[in-house]
């Protein structure tokens, strides 16, 4: 039997262990298990439940107009899935949700979530706060989508990493948190196109690349690439 828990979930973090146990005993819910690679929900499915990822991890992807897959986020337990869309007028999942490991989901019907708001004001407050933070994350993603060139997308990504790093001898060294295949999905481009653009940026003296390590050689040129 798989172990799972919603203790520590950002939506339930203000509730005690006793309150969470009471919640699971009092409110209707379903426990669903998935294997690695299973599609949990599809882009366009109607969102009628609050999904809590109780164990494992998932990735979310979106189809582009060009027919490719765009990586949106990786989500770890015990986070919720698409909670902002449960009460939307157009309450459809904007992404595919795919299991990266064995996954357990706890699913609460929308009507039960409304009852939980009334029963646990702390849960309501956290729900609003969490979804506000998600909106900020999506705004950042939207900014990335508005950048048309691959060079611009790479520059935007590296500048985000560079914001946490110090300049040394006019250079900034950053460690990528994704490999090139994952970056290509993040940018919604083909892997060969990404590799070609990275090589061009190296030839132009903007960056140097050594596997997952990037050295920003010319910060001003990188900024102008966006």
Foldseek 3Di string as FASTA:
>chain_A
DDDWDQDVELLCPPPDPVVRVVLVVPADKDKDKDAAFDWPDAFFAAQFKKKFWGAAKKWWWAADPVGFIATQDIDGPGYIDQLVLNPDPSNTHRTTIGGRHITMIIIGGPVRVVVVCVVDVSSVVSSVVVVVVVVVSVVLLVVLQVDDDLLLNVLSVVVVQQVPFDADPQKTKGFAPDFLVNSCNNNVHDSVRNVVVVVVCVVVQQWDDDGRMIMGRHNVVSVVSD
